[in-house]
């Protein structure tokens, strides 16, 4: 599933994000799968973060609030239910039931610090989302 999402992201994301990946084995495997579908991603910074190994959305909120404001484009590989709950906190209009393994949601924040974005409800707008199931059959 991750290579499929990697190919789709490569076609849709204009610039490489800085990736932050949970230290959990499965999260690191998901990142390596993305690389198979998006090989040029290897040129981008990636950081393994122990604090992303959380199942609570407020742990993600705390992490995001500490993010470097010099970063314009970040991607997070974490765990449910934290990811789904945090996305719904940031963008309730998305009404996400579940972010599946290797699922991707692209959120945009308008000229605010990461701390402001993390703490505000409805601080983001959804730009796109992908699920592996919806991409099956797409040409590589």
C-alpha atoms as a PDB file:
ATOM      1  CA  UNK A   1       0.000   0.000   0.000  1.00  0.00           C
ATOM      2  CA  UNK A   2       2.752   2.488   0.867  1.00  0.00           C
ATOM      3  CA  UNK A   3       4.496   2.345  -2.552  1.00  0.00           C
ATOM      4  CA  UNK A   4       1.128   3.022  -4.200  1.00  0.00           C
ATOM      5  CA  UNK A   5       0.573   6.064  -1.968  1.00  0.00           C
ATOM      6  CA  UNK A   6       4.181   7.161  -2.590  1.00  0.00           C
ATOM      7  CA  UNK A   7       3.600   7.204  -6.361  1.00  0.00           C
ATOM      8  CA  UNK A   8       0.348   9.118  -5.920  1.00  0.00           C
ATOM      9  CA  UNK A   9       1.965  11.661  -3.578  1.00  0.00           C
ATOM     10  CA  UNK A  10       4.869  12.168  -5.992  1.00  0.00           C
ATOM     11  CA  UNK A  11       2.359  13.144  -8.668  1.00  0.00           C
ATOM     12  CA  UNK A  12       0.367  15.478  -6.397  1.00  0.00           C
ATOM     13  CA  UNK A  13       2.754  17.124  -3.918  1.00  0.00           C
ATOM     14  CA  UNK A  14       4.666  20.039  -5.489  1.00  0.00           C
ATOM     15  CA  UNK A  15       7.595  20.016  -3.032  1.00  0.00           C
ATOM     16  CA  UNK A  16       9.095  17.351  -0.816  1.00  0.00           C
ATOM     17  CA  UNK A  17       7.992  17.694   2.783  1.00  0.00           C
ATOM     18  CA  UNK A  18      10.247  17.127   5.756  1.00  0.00           C
ATOM     19  CA  UNK A  19       9.148  13.740   7.095  1.00  0.00           C
ATOM     20  CA  UNK A  20       8.759  12.945  10.765  1.00  0.00           C
ATOM     21  CA  UNK A  21       8.303   9.252  11.461  1.00  0.00           C
ATOM     22  CA  UNK A  22       7.420   7.410  14.647  1.00  0.00           C
ATOM     23  CA  UNK A  23      10.199   5.155  15.903  1.00  0.00           C
ATOM     24  CA  UNK A  24       7.859   2.151  15.715  1.00  0.00           C
ATOM     25  CA  UNK A  25       8.920  -0.575  13.263  1.00  0.00           C
ATOM     26  CA  UNK A  26       5.689  -0.413  11.265  1.00  0.00           C
ATOM     27  CA  UNK A  27       5.905   3.373  10.849  1.00  0.00           C
ATOM     28  CA  UNK A  28       9.490   3.075   9.586  1.00  0.00           C
ATOM     29  CA  UNK A  29       8.387   0.314   7.178  1.00  0.00           C
ATOM     30  CA  UNK A  30       5.631   2.592   5.881  1.00  0.00           C
ATOM     31  CA  UNK A  31       8.193   5.320   5.198  1.00  0.00           C
ATOM     32  CA  UNK A  32      10.455   2.861   3.341  1.00  0.00           C
ATOM     33  CA  UNK A  33       7.415   1.805   1.300  1.00  0.00           C
ATOM     34  CA  UNK A  34       6.733   5.430   0.358  1.00  0.00           C
ATOM     35  CA  UNK A  35      10.322   5.683  -0.888  1.00  0.00           C
ATOM     36  CA  UNK A  36       9.729   2.766  -3.259  1.00  0.00           C
ATOM     37  CA  UNK A  37       6.914   4.700  -4.902  1.00  0.00           C
ATOM     38  CA  UNK A  38       8.565   8.124  -4.597  1.00  0.00           C
ATOM     39  CA  UNK A  39      12.332   7.548  -4.984  1.00  0.00           C
ATOM     40  CA  UNK A  40      13.280  11.248  -5.105  1.00  0.00           C
ATOM     41  CA  UNK A  41      11.927  11.573  -1.565  1.00  0.00           C
ATOM     42  CA  UNK A  42      15.269  10.180  -0.388  1.00  0.00           C
ATOM     43  CA  UNK A  43      16.739  13.640  -1.054  1.00  0.00           C
ATOM     44  CA  UNK A  44      14.505  15.145   1.646  1.00  0.00           C
ATOM     45  CA  UNK A  45      15.114  15.346   5.375  1.00  0.00           C
ATOM     46  CA  UNK A  46      13.592  12.651   7.571  1.00  0.00           C
ATOM     47  CA  UNK A  47      13.607  12.419  11.343  1.00  0.00           C
ATOM     48  CA  UNK A  48      12.543   9.532  13.561  1.00  0.00           C
ATOM     49  CA  UNK A  49      10.657  10.918  16.539  1.00  0.00           C
ATOM     50  CA  UNK A  50       9.958   8.891  19.677  1.00  0.00           C
ATOM     51  CA  UNK A  51       7.208  11.352  20.682  1.00  0.00           C
ATOM     52  CA  UNK A  52       5.197  10.355  17.585  1.00  0.00           C
ATOM     53  CA  UNK A  53       4.809   6.872  19.042  1.00  0.00           C
ATOM     54  CA  UNK A  54       1.547   7.901  20.688  1.00  0.00           C
ATOM     55  CA  UNK A  55      -2.065   6.832  20.385  1.00  0.00           C
ATOM     56  CA  UNK A  56      -3.443  10.067  21.815  1.00  0.00           C
ATOM     57  CA  UNK A  57      -4.129  13.085  19.613  1.00  0.00           C
ATOM     58  CA  UNK A  58      -3.014  15.525  22.306  1.00  0.00           C
ATOM     59  CA  UNK A  59       0.468  13.973  22.101  1.00  0.00           C
ATOM     60  CA  UNK A  60       0.519  14.902  18.413  1.00  0.00           C
ATOM     61  CA  UNK A  61      -0.761  18.374  19.264  1.00  0.00           C
ATOM     62  CA  UNK A  62       2.083  18.843  21.734  1.00  0.00           C
ATOM     63  CA  UNK A  63       4.608  17.601  19.163  1.00  0.00           C
ATOM     64  CA  UNK A  64       3.296  19.881  16.391  1.00  0.00           C
ATOM     65  CA  UNK A  65       3.262  22.894  18.702  1.00  0.00           C
ATOM     66  CA  UNK A  66       7.041  22.464  19.099  1.00  0.00           C
ATOM     67  CA  UNK A  67       7.728  22.155  15.350  1.00  0.00           C
ATOM     68  CA  UNK A  68      10.249  24.530  13.809  1.00  0.00           C
ATOM     69  CA  UNK A  69       8.400  27.462  12.226  1.00  0.00           C
ATOM     70  CA  UNK A  70      11.085  27.511   9.543  1.00  0.00           C
ATOM     71  CA  UNK A  71       9.515  24.366   8.084  1.00  0.00           C
ATOM     72  CA  UNK A  72       6.749  25.087   5.603  1.00  0.00           C
ATOM     73  CA  UNK A  73       5.884  21.536   4.618  1.00  0.00           C
ATOM     74  CA  UNK A  74       5.897  18.606   7.056  1.00  0.00           C
ATOM     75  CA  UNK A  75       4.632  15.043   6.806  1.00  0.00           C
ATOM     76  CA  UNK A  76       3.969  12.802   9.799  1.00  0.00           C
ATOM     77  CA  UNK A  77       3.823   9.021   9.948  1.00  0.00           C
ATOM     78  CA  UNK A  78       2.232   8.036  13.231  1.00  0.00           C
ATOM     79  CA  UNK A  79      -0.445   5.838  14.755  1.00  0.00           C
ATOM     80  CA  UNK A  80      -4.189   5.569  15.138  1.00  0.00           C
ATOM     81  CA  UNK A  81      -6.374   6.591  16.768  1.00  0.00           C
ATOM     82  CA  UNK A  82      -4.124   9.618  17.351  1.00  0.00           C
ATOM     83  CA  UNK A  83      -3.697  10.498  13.659  1.00  0.00           C
ATOM     84  CA  UNK A  84      -7.406  10.288  12.834  1.00  0.00           C
ATOM     85  CA  UNK A  85      -8.412  12.202  15.968  1.00  0.00           C
ATOM     86  CA  UNK A  86      -5.820  14.942  15.440  1.00  0.00           C
ATOM     87  CA  UNK A  87      -6.786  15.410  11.788  1.00  0.00           C
ATOM     88  CA  UNK A  88     -10.411  15.770  12.883  1.00  0.00           C
ATOM     89  CA  UNK A  89      -9.355  18.334  15.498  1.00  0.00           C
ATOM     90  CA  UNK A  90      -7.453  20.378  12.924  1.00  0.00           C
ATOM     91  CA  UNK A  91     -10.052  20.001  10.159  1.00  0.00           C
ATOM     92  CA  UNK A  92     -13.446  18.876  11.532  1.00  0.00           C
ATOM     93  CA  UNK A  93     -15.129  19.441   8.163  1.00  0.00           C
ATOM     94  CA  UNK A  94     -13.188  16.450   6.804  1.00  0.00           C
ATOM     95  CA  UNK A  95     -15.189  14.129   9.104  1.00  0.00           C
ATOM     96  CA  UNK A  96     -12.568  11.402   8.817  1.00  0.00           C
ATOM     97  CA  UNK A  97     -13.743   8.032  10.155  1.00  0.00           C
ATOM     98  CA  UNK A  98     -10.360   6.350   9.996  1.00  0.00           C
ATOM     99  CA  UNK A  99      -7.016   7.097   8.405  1.00  0.00           C
ATOM    100  CA  UNK A 100      -5.913   3.666   7.125  1.00  0.00           C
ATOM    101  CA  UNK A 101      -2.353   2.384   7.102  1.00  0.00           C
ATOM    102  CA  UNK A 102      -0.461   4.404   4.467  1.00  0.00           C
ATOM    103  CA  UNK A 103      -3.444   6.756   4.115  1.00  0.00           C
ATOM    104  CA  UNK A 104      -2.560  10.376   3.428  1.00  0.00           C
ATOM    105  CA  UNK A 105      -4.289  13.655   4.234  1.00  0.00           C
ATOM    106  CA  UNK A 106      -2.891  16.977   3.028  1.00  0.00           C
ATOM    107  CA  UNK A 107      -3.847  19.890   5.283  1.00  0.00           C
ATOM    108  CA  UNK A 108      -3.079  23.548   4.678  1.00  0.00           C
ATOM    109  CA  UNK A 109      -2.663  26.156   7.415  1.00  0.00           C
ATOM    110  CA  UNK A 110      -2.888  29.878   6.687  1.00  0.00           C
ATOM    111  CA  UNK A 111       0.123  31.911   7.857  1.00  0.00           C
ATOM    112  CA  UNK A 112       0.208  30.761  11.463  1.00  0.00           C
ATOM    113  CA  UNK A 113       2.947  29.254  13.577  1.00  0.00           C
ATOM    114  CA  UNK A 114       2.914  25.500  14.141  1.00  0.00           C
ATOM    115  CA  UNK A 115       2.059  26.202  17.765  1.00  0.00           C
ATOM    116  CA  UNK A 116      -0.982  28.280  16.774  1.00  0.00           C
ATOM    117  CA  UNK A 117      -2.024  25.653  14.232  1.00  0.00           C
ATOM    118  CA  UNK A 118      -1.731  22.811  16.748  1.00  0.00           C
ATOM    119  CA  UNK A 119      -3.754  24.532  19.449  1.00  0.00           C
ATOM    120  CA  UNK A 120      -6.621  25.898  17.360  1.00  0.00           C
ATOM    121  CA  UNK A 121      -9.668  23.850  16.437  1.00  0.00           C
ATOM    122  CA  UNK A 122     -10.459  24.055  12.713  1.00  0.00           C
ATOM    123  CA  UNK A 123      -7.098  25.651  11.929  1.00  0.00           C
ATOM    124  CA  UNK A 124      -6.629  23.688   8.687  1.00  0.00           C
ATOM    125  CA  UNK A 125      -8.336  23.149   5.379  1.00  0.00           C
ATOM    126  CA  UNK A 126      -8.176  19.804   3.585  1.00  0.00           C
ATOM    127  CA  UNK A 127      -6.348  19.965   0.261  1.00  0.00           C
ATOM    128  CA  UNK A 128      -6.505  16.256  -0.617  1.00  0.00           C
ATOM    129  CA  UNK A 129      -6.653  12.785   0.862  1.00  0.00           C
ATOM    130  CA  UNK A 130      -5.698   9.368  -0.442  1.00  0.00           C
ATOM    131  CA  UNK A 131      -6.469   5.846   0.680  1.00  0.00           C
ATOM    132  CA  UNK A 132      -4.701   2.808  -0.753  1.00  0.00           C
ATOM    133  CA  UNK A 133      -8.059   1.188  -1.602  1.00  0.00           C
ATOM    134  CA  UNK A 134      -9.031   4.076  -3.872  1.00  0.00           C
ATOM    135  CA  UNK A 135      -5.744   3.895  -5.802  1.00  0.00           C
ATOM    136  CA  UNK A 136      -5.772   0.193  -6.660  1.00  0.00           C
ATOM    137  CA  UNK A 137      -5.660  -0.117 -10.412  1.00  0.00           C
ATOM    138  CA  UNK A 138      -4.010   3.276 -11.039  1.00  0.00           C
ATOM    139  CA  UNK A 139      -1.163   2.993 -13.497  1.00  0.00           C
ATOM    140  CA  UNK A 140       2.310   3.455 -11.975  1.00  0.00           C
END
